[in-house]
Amino acid sequence: MVVQALGDSFSTPPSSSNLWSKDTFFQLLVMELTHQDPMEPMNNRDFITQLAQFSSLEQLSEINGRFSSLFQAQVLYQAGQMLGCRVEGVDPSTQKIVRGKVEEVYWKDGVCYLKIEGKYLPLSSITKVLSK
């Protein structure tokens, strides 16, 4: 029985790529402070609000990373329970049905794969779990 994780750990969902990073937010804050009018500096309340937003963004990024790690662990655990089970799935490259025992489970680039009859199928392409 083999369960392994390959490649980088899943750290952010694909939909989060459109969000600004904390570095971008911090660069904007520094740029704003650098180019503010010395005769009318930023209000203390506004500055504190922006720092609080930065802190919240940093905490949310950390929580997102932890949830992503938890998600990966949960999927690997569930897929690992299929080791030795007979399953049926569709090979995405050929659209042919593949049946056999799950020999290996691994994670790569945010996707869980099962090795069945020498072929690696994404967990999402499994259509039936037949028996152990």
N, C-alpha and C. Protein backbone atom coordinates (compact mmCIF):
# COMPACT_ATOMS: atom_id res chain seq x y z
N MET A 1 0.84 -1.19 0.00
CA MET A 1 0.00 0.00 0.00
C MET A 1 0.88 1.24 0.00
N VAL A 2 0.57 2.17 -0.90
CA VAL A 2 1.38 3.38 -1.02
C VAL A 2 0.46 4.59 -1.06
N VAL A 3 0.72 5.54 -0.17
CA VAL A 3 0.03 6.83 -0.20
C VAL A 3 1.11 7.88 -0.12
N GLN A 4 1.17 8.77 -1.10
CA GLN A 4 2.20 9.79 -1.07
C GLN A 4 1.68 11.09 -1.66
N ALA A 5 2.36 12.17 -1.30
CA ALA A 5 2.04 13.48 -1.85
C ALA A 5 3.25 13.94 -2.65
N LEU A 6 3.04 14.26 -3.91
CA LEU A 6 4.12 14.72 -4.77
C LEU A 6 3.92 16.17 -5.12
N GLY A 7 5.00 16.86 -5.41
CA GLY A 7 4.92 18.25 -5.82
C GLY A 7 4.64 19.15 -4.64
N ASP A 8 4.36 20.41 -4.96
CA ASP A 8 4.06 21.39 -3.93
C ASP A 8 2.71 21.09 -3.32
N SER A 9 2.58 21.41 -2.04
CA SER A 9 1.29 21.19 -1.39
C SER A 9 0.28 22.17 -1.96
N PHE A 10 -0.94 21.77 -1.94
CA PHE A 10 -2.03 22.60 -2.41
C PHE A 10 -2.17 23.76 -1.45
N SER A 11 -1.88 24.98 -1.92
CA SER A 11 -1.86 26.09 -0.98
C SER A 11 -2.95 27.12 -1.23
N THR A 12 -3.42 27.23 -2.46
CA THR A 12 -4.49 28.19 -2.71
C THR A 12 -5.43 27.64 -3.76
N PRO A 13 -6.71 27.86 -3.60
CA PRO A 13 -7.63 27.42 -4.62
C PRO A 13 -7.44 28.24 -5.89
N PRO A 14 -7.73 27.68 -7.06
CA PRO A 14 -7.54 28.41 -8.30
C PRO A 14 -8.25 29.74 -8.35
N SER A 15 -9.41 29.87 -7.72
CA SER A 15 -10.17 31.12 -7.80
C SER A 15 -9.51 32.27 -7.04
N SER A 16 -8.55 31.97 -6.17
CA SER A 16 -7.93 33.03 -5.39
C SER A 16 -6.85 33.77 -6.15
N SER A 17 -6.55 33.34 -7.40
CA SER A 17 -5.49 33.98 -8.17
C SER A 17 -5.82 35.43 -8.54
N ASN A 18 -7.09 35.80 -8.50
CA ASN A 18 -7.49 37.16 -8.84
C ASN A 18 -7.39 38.11 -7.65
N LEU A 19 -7.14 37.59 -6.47
CA LEU A 19 -7.08 38.42 -5.27
C LEU A 19 -5.71 39.06 -5.13
N TRP A 20 -5.67 40.22 -4.50
CA TRP A 20 -4.41 40.89 -4.25
C TRP A 20 -3.70 40.18 -3.11
N SER A 21 -2.39 40.15 -3.20
CA SER A 21 -1.61 39.54 -2.11
C SER A 21 -1.36 40.59 -1.04
N LYS A 22 -0.88 40.11 0.11
CA LYS A 22 -0.57 41.05 1.19
C LYS A 22 0.59 41.96 0.78
N ASP A 23 1.50 41.47 -0.07
CA ASP A 23 2.61 42.30 -0.55
C ASP A 23 2.09 43.46 -1.40
N THR A 24 1.11 43.18 -2.24
CA THR A 24 0.51 44.23 -3.07
C THR A 24 -0.16 45.28 -2.19
N PHE A 25 -0.90 44.82 -1.20
CA PHE A 25 -1.58 45.73 -0.29
C PHE A 25 -0.55 46.61 0.44
N PHE A 26 0.52 45.98 0.91
CA PHE A 26 1.56 46.72 1.64
C PHE A 26 2.26 47.72 0.73
N GLN A 27 2.53 47.35 -0.52
CA GLN A 27 3.15 48.27 -1.48
C GLN A 27 2.26 49.48 -1.73
N LEU A 28 0.95 49.25 -1.84
CA LEU A 28 0.02 50.37 -2.04
C LEU A 28 0.01 51.31 -0.83
N LEU A 29 0.06 50.73 0.37
CA LEU A 29 0.08 51.54 1.59
C LEU A 29 1.35 52.39 1.64
N VAL A 30 2.50 51.79 1.34
CA VAL A 30 3.77 52.53 1.34
C VAL A 30 3.74 53.62 0.27
N MET A 31 3.21 53.30 -0.90
CA MET A 31 3.12 54.28 -1.99
C MET A 31 2.23 55.45 -1.56
N GLU A 32 1.14 55.15 -0.90
CA GLU A 32 0.23 56.20 -0.43
C GLU A 32 0.92 57.11 0.59
N LEU A 33 1.65 56.50 1.52
CA LEU A 33 2.36 57.29 2.52
C LEU A 33 3.48 58.12 1.90
N THR A 34 4.16 57.56 0.91
CA THR A 34 5.26 58.26 0.25
C THR A 34 4.78 59.48 -0.53
N HIS A 35 3.62 59.37 -1.14
CA HIS A 35 3.12 60.44 -2.01
C HIS A 35 2.03 61.29 -1.39
N GLN A 36 1.87 61.22 -0.08
CA GLN A 36 0.83 62.04 0.53
C GLN A 36 1.29 63.51 0.61
N ASP A 37 0.35 64.39 0.66
CA ASP A 37 0.62 65.83 0.76
C ASP A 37 1.09 66.13 2.18
N PRO A 38 2.32 66.67 2.34
CA PRO A 38 2.83 66.96 3.68
C PRO A 38 1.97 67.99 4.44
N MET A 39 1.25 68.82 3.68
CA MET A 39 0.41 69.82 4.32
C MET A 39 -0.91 69.20 4.81
N GLU A 40 -1.29 68.06 4.26
CA GLU A 40 -2.49 67.35 4.68
C GLU A 40 -2.17 65.87 4.79
N PRO A 41 -1.44 65.49 5.85
CA PRO A 41 -1.06 64.08 5.99
C PRO A 41 -2.29 63.20 6.24
N MET A 42 -2.08 61.92 6.10
CA MET A 42 -3.15 60.93 6.30
C MET A 42 -3.69 61.03 7.72
N ASN A 43 -4.97 60.95 7.82
CA ASN A 43 -5.65 60.95 9.11
C ASN A 43 -5.23 59.70 9.88
N ASN A 44 -4.95 59.84 11.19
CA ASN A 44 -4.55 58.70 12.01
C ASN A 44 -5.56 57.57 11.95
N ARG A 45 -6.83 57.92 11.95
CA ARG A 45 -7.89 56.92 11.92
C ARG A 45 -7.83 56.12 10.61
N ASP A 46 -7.60 56.82 9.50
CA ASP A 46 -7.48 56.13 8.20
C ASP A 46 -6.26 55.20 8.19
N PHE A 47 -5.17 55.67 8.76
CA PHE A 47 -3.95 54.86 8.80
C PHE A 47 -4.17 53.59 9.63
N ILE A 48 -4.79 53.73 10.78
CA ILE A 48 -5.07 52.59 11.65
C ILE A 48 -6.02 51.62 10.96
N THR A 49 -6.99 52.15 10.24
CA THR A 49 -7.93 51.30 9.50
C THR A 49 -7.19 50.48 8.45
N GLN A 50 -6.28 51.12 7.72
CA GLN A 50 -5.53 50.40 6.70
C GLN A 50 -4.61 49.34 7.31
N LEU A 51 -3.99 49.65 8.44
CA LEU A 51 -3.15 48.66 9.11
C LEU A 51 -3.99 47.47 9.59
N ALA A 52 -5.18 47.75 10.07
CA ALA A 52 -6.07 46.67 10.52
C ALA A 52 -6.49 45.80 9.33
N GLN A 53 -6.74 46.43 8.18
CA GLN A 53 -7.09 45.67 6.98
C GLN A 53 -5.91 44.80 6.55
N PHE A 54 -4.71 45.33 6.64
CA PHE A 54 -3.52 44.56 6.30
C PHE A 54 -3.38 43.36 7.22
N SER A 55 -3.59 43.57 8.50
CA SER A 55 -3.50 42.48 9.48
C SER A 55 -4.56 41.42 9.20
N SER A 56 -5.77 41.84 8.88
CA SER A 56 -6.85 40.90 8.54
C SER A 56 -6.51 40.09 7.30
N LEU A 57 -5.95 40.76 6.29
CA LEU A 57 -5.57 40.09 5.06
C LEU A 57 -4.52 39.02 5.34
N GLU A 58 -3.55 39.34 6.18
CA GLU A 58 -2.49 38.39 6.52
C GLU A 58 -3.07 37.18 7.26
N GLN A 59 -3.98 37.42 8.20
CA GLN A 59 -4.60 36.33 8.94
C GLN A 59 -5.46 35.45 8.05
N LEU A 60 -6.20 36.07 7.12
CA LEU A 60 -7.03 35.29 6.20
C LEU A 60 -6.17 34.44 5.27
N SER A 61 -5.03 34.96 4.85
CA SER A 61 -4.11 34.19 4.01
C SER A 61 -3.60 32.97 4.76
N GLU A 62 -3.28 33.14 6.02
CA GLU A 62 -2.80 32.02 6.84
C GLU A 62 -3.91 30.98 7.02
N ILE A 63 -5.12 31.42 7.28
CA ILE A 63 -6.25 30.50 7.44
C ILE A 63 -6.49 29.73 6.14
N ASN A 64 -6.41 30.43 5.01
CA ASN A 64 -6.61 29.79 3.71
C ASN A 64 -5.57 28.69 3.50
N GLY A 65 -4.32 28.96 3.84
CA GLY A 65 -3.27 27.97 3.71
C GLY A 65 -3.52 26.75 4.58
N ARG A 66 -4.00 26.98 5.79
CA ARG A 66 -4.29 25.86 6.70
C ARG A 66 -5.47 25.03 6.21
N PHE A 67 -6.52 25.69 5.70
CA PHE A 67 -7.66 24.96 5.16
C PHE A 67 -7.26 24.15 3.93
N SER A 68 -6.39 24.71 3.11
CA SER A 68 -5.92 23.99 1.93
C SER A 68 -5.15 22.74 2.32
N SER A 69 -4.31 22.85 3.33
CA SER A 69 -3.57 21.69 3.82
C SER A 69 -4.52 20.65 4.40
N LEU A 70 -5.52 21.11 5.13
CA LEU A 70 -6.52 20.20 5.70
C LEU A 70 -7.30 19.50 4.59
N PHE A 71 -7.65 20.24 3.55
CA PHE A 71 -8.36 19.67 2.40
C PHE A 71 -7.53 18.57 1.76
N GLN A 72 -6.24 18.83 1.53
CA GLN A 72 -5.36 17.84 0.92
C GLN A 72 -5.28 16.59 1.79
N ALA A 73 -5.10 16.76 3.08
CA ALA A 73 -5.01 15.62 3.99
C ALA A 73 -6.30 14.80 3.97
N GLN A 74 -7.44 15.47 3.96
CA GLN A 74 -8.73 14.78 3.96
C GLN A 74 -8.92 13.98 2.68
N VAL A 75 -8.60 14.58 1.53
CA VAL A 75 -8.76 13.88 0.26
C VAL A 75 -7.81 12.68 0.19
N LEU A 76 -6.55 12.87 0.62
CA LEU A 76 -5.60 11.75 0.61
C LEU A 76 -6.05 10.63 1.54
N TYR A 77 -6.60 10.98 2.68
CA TYR A 77 -7.10 9.96 3.62
C TYR A 77 -8.24 9.17 2.97
N GLN A 78 -9.20 9.88 2.40
CA GLN A 78 -10.34 9.21 1.79
C GLN A 78 -9.90 8.34 0.61
N ALA A 79 -9.00 8.86 -0.21
CA ALA A 79 -8.51 8.08 -1.35
C ALA A 79 -7.70 6.88 -0.85
N GLY A 80 -6.95 7.06 0.23
CA GLY A 80 -6.17 5.97 0.80
C GLY A 80 -7.05 4.83 1.27
N GLN A 81 -8.28 5.12 1.66
CA GLN A 81 -9.22 4.08 2.07
C GLN A 81 -9.60 3.19 0.89
N MET A 82 -9.35 3.65 -0.32
CA MET A 82 -9.68 2.87 -1.52
C MET A 82 -8.55 1.92 -1.93
N LEU A 83 -7.37 2.02 -1.29
CA LEU A 83 -6.27 1.12 -1.63
C LEU A 83 -6.73 -0.33 -1.50
N GLY A 84 -6.50 -1.11 -2.55
CA GLY A 84 -6.91 -2.51 -2.55
C GLY A 84 -8.34 -2.74 -3.00
N CYS A 85 -9.11 -1.67 -3.13
CA CYS A 85 -10.50 -1.80 -3.58
C CYS A 85 -10.55 -1.90 -5.10
N ARG A 86 -11.55 -2.64 -5.58
CA ARG A 86 -11.80 -2.66 -7.02
C ARG A 86 -12.67 -1.45 -7.33
N VAL A 87 -12.25 -0.68 -8.33
CA VAL A 87 -12.97 0.53 -8.71
C VAL A 87 -13.15 0.56 -10.23
N GLU A 88 -14.01 1.46 -10.63
CA GLU A 88 -14.25 1.69 -12.05
C GLU A 88 -14.21 3.19 -12.28
N GLY A 89 -13.58 3.58 -13.37
CA GLY A 89 -13.51 5.00 -13.70
C GLY A 89 -13.30 5.19 -15.18
N VAL A 90 -13.34 6.44 -15.60
CA VAL A 90 -13.15 6.78 -17.01
C VAL A 90 -11.79 7.45 -17.16
N ASP A 91 -10.97 6.90 -18.04
CA ASP A 91 -9.66 7.50 -18.34
C ASP A 91 -9.90 8.79 -19.11
N PRO A 92 -9.54 9.95 -18.55
CA PRO A 92 -9.82 11.23 -19.21
C PRO A 92 -9.16 11.38 -20.59
N SER A 93 -8.03 10.72 -20.80
CA SER A 93 -7.33 10.88 -22.07
C SER A 93 -7.94 10.04 -23.19
N THR A 94 -8.52 8.88 -22.85
CA THR A 94 -9.08 8.00 -23.88
C THR A 94 -10.60 7.87 -23.82
N GLN A 95 -11.19 8.31 -22.72
CA GLN A 95 -12.63 8.18 -22.46
C GLN A 95 -13.07 6.72 -22.36
N LYS A 96 -12.10 5.80 -22.13
CA LYS A 96 -12.43 4.39 -21.97
C LYS A 96 -12.58 4.06 -20.48
N ILE A 97 -13.41 3.07 -20.21
CA ILE A 97 -13.63 2.63 -18.83
C ILE A 97 -12.44 1.79 -18.38
N VAL A 98 -11.98 2.07 -17.18
CA VAL A 98 -10.87 1.33 -16.58
C VAL A 98 -11.40 0.69 -15.30
N ARG A 99 -11.16 -0.62 -15.13
CA ARG A 99 -11.56 -1.34 -13.92
C ARG A 99 -10.32 -2.00 -13.34
N GLY A 100 -10.25 -2.05 -12.03
CA GLY A 100 -9.14 -2.73 -11.39
C GLY A 100 -9.00 -2.31 -9.94
N LYS A 101 -7.95 -2.86 -9.30
CA LYS A 101 -7.67 -2.52 -7.91
C LYS A 101 -6.84 -1.25 -7.84
N VAL A 102 -7.12 -0.46 -6.82
CA VAL A 102 -6.34 0.76 -6.57
C VAL A 102 -5.02 0.31 -5.96
N GLU A 103 -3.92 0.64 -6.66
CA GLU A 103 -2.59 0.22 -6.24
C GLU A 103 -1.82 1.33 -5.51
N GLU A 104 -2.17 2.57 -5.83
CA GLU A 104 -1.40 3.70 -5.30
C GLU A 104 -2.28 4.94 -5.31
N VAL A 105 -2.00 5.84 -4.39
CA VAL A 105 -2.69 7.13 -4.31
C VAL A 105 -1.62 8.20 -4.22
N TYR A 106 -1.74 9.25 -5.01
CA TYR A 106 -0.80 10.36 -4.87
C TYR A 106 -1.45 11.69 -5.22
N TRP A 107 -0.80 12.75 -4.80
CA TRP A 107 -1.29 14.12 -4.94
C TRP A 107 -0.27 14.91 -5.74
N LYS A 108 -0.71 15.58 -6.78
CA LYS A 108 0.20 16.42 -7.56
C LYS A 108 -0.58 17.61 -8.11
N ASP A 109 -0.04 18.79 -7.90
CA ASP A 109 -0.62 20.04 -8.42
C ASP A 109 -2.09 20.20 -8.07
N GLY A 110 -2.45 19.86 -6.84
CA GLY A 110 -3.81 20.07 -6.37
C GLY A 110 -4.81 19.01 -6.81
N VAL A 111 -4.32 17.89 -7.36
CA VAL A 111 -5.21 16.83 -7.84
C VAL A 111 -4.78 15.50 -7.22
N CYS A 112 -5.75 14.73 -6.77
CA CYS A 112 -5.50 13.41 -6.22
C CYS A 112 -5.66 12.38 -7.34
N TYR A 113 -4.67 11.49 -7.49
CA TYR A 113 -4.69 10.46 -8.52
C TYR A 113 -4.67 9.07 -7.88
N LEU A 114 -5.33 8.12 -8.56
CA LEU A 114 -5.31 6.71 -8.17
C LEU A 114 -4.64 5.92 -9.29
N LYS A 115 -3.75 5.00 -8.91
CA LYS A 115 -3.13 4.13 -9.90
C LYS A 115 -3.97 2.86 -9.98
N ILE A 116 -4.52 2.61 -11.18
CA ILE A 116 -5.39 1.46 -11.42
C ILE A 116 -4.92 0.77 -12.70
N GLU A 117 -4.55 -0.51 -12.57
CA GLU A 117 -4.08 -1.27 -13.72
C GLU A 117 -2.96 -0.53 -14.46
N GLY A 118 -2.07 0.10 -13.71
CA GLY A 118 -0.93 0.79 -14.30
C GLY A 118 -1.24 2.17 -14.84
N LYS A 119 -2.49 2.61 -14.77
CA LYS A 119 -2.88 3.94 -15.27
C LYS A 119 -3.21 4.83 -14.09
N TYR A 120 -2.88 6.10 -14.23
CA TYR A 120 -3.18 7.08 -13.19
C TYR A 120 -4.44 7.86 -13.58
N LEU A 121 -5.46 7.70 -12.76
CA LEU A 121 -6.72 8.41 -13.00
C LEU A 121 -6.96 9.41 -11.90
N PRO A 122 -7.48 10.61 -12.24
CA PRO A 122 -7.86 11.55 -11.19
C PRO A 122 -8.99 10.95 -10.36
N LEU A 123 -8.96 11.20 -9.08
CA LEU A 123 -10.01 10.70 -8.19
C LEU A 123 -11.39 11.11 -8.69
N SER A 124 -11.49 12.28 -9.29
CA SER A 124 -12.78 12.78 -9.77
C SER A 124 -13.33 11.96 -10.94
N SER A 125 -12.50 11.13 -11.59
CA SER A 125 -12.99 10.33 -12.72
C SER A 125 -13.45 8.93 -12.29
N ILE A 126 -13.37 8.63 -11.00
CA ILE A 126 -13.84 7.34 -10.49
C ILE A 126 -15.36 7.38 -10.40
N THR A 127 -15.99 6.36 -11.00
CA THR A 127 -17.45 6.34 -11.05
C THR A 127 -18.06 5.30 -10.11
N LYS A 128 -17.28 4.25 -9.76
CA LYS A 128 -17.81 3.20 -8.88
C LYS A 128 -16.69 2.65 -8.00
N VAL A 129 -17.05 2.31 -6.79
CA VAL A 129 -16.18 1.53 -5.90
C VAL A 129 -16.90 0.20 -5.77
N LEU A 130 -16.29 -0.88 -6.32
CA LEU A 130 -16.97 -2.16 -6.43
C LEU A 130 -16.83 -3.04 -5.21
N SER A 131 -15.61 -3.30 -4.76
CA SER A 131 -15.42 -4.16 -3.59
C SER A 131 -14.00 -4.02 -3.08
N LYS A 132 -13.75 -4.61 -1.94
CA LYS A 132 -12.39 -4.56 -1.35
C LYS A 132 -11.67 -5.84 -1.64
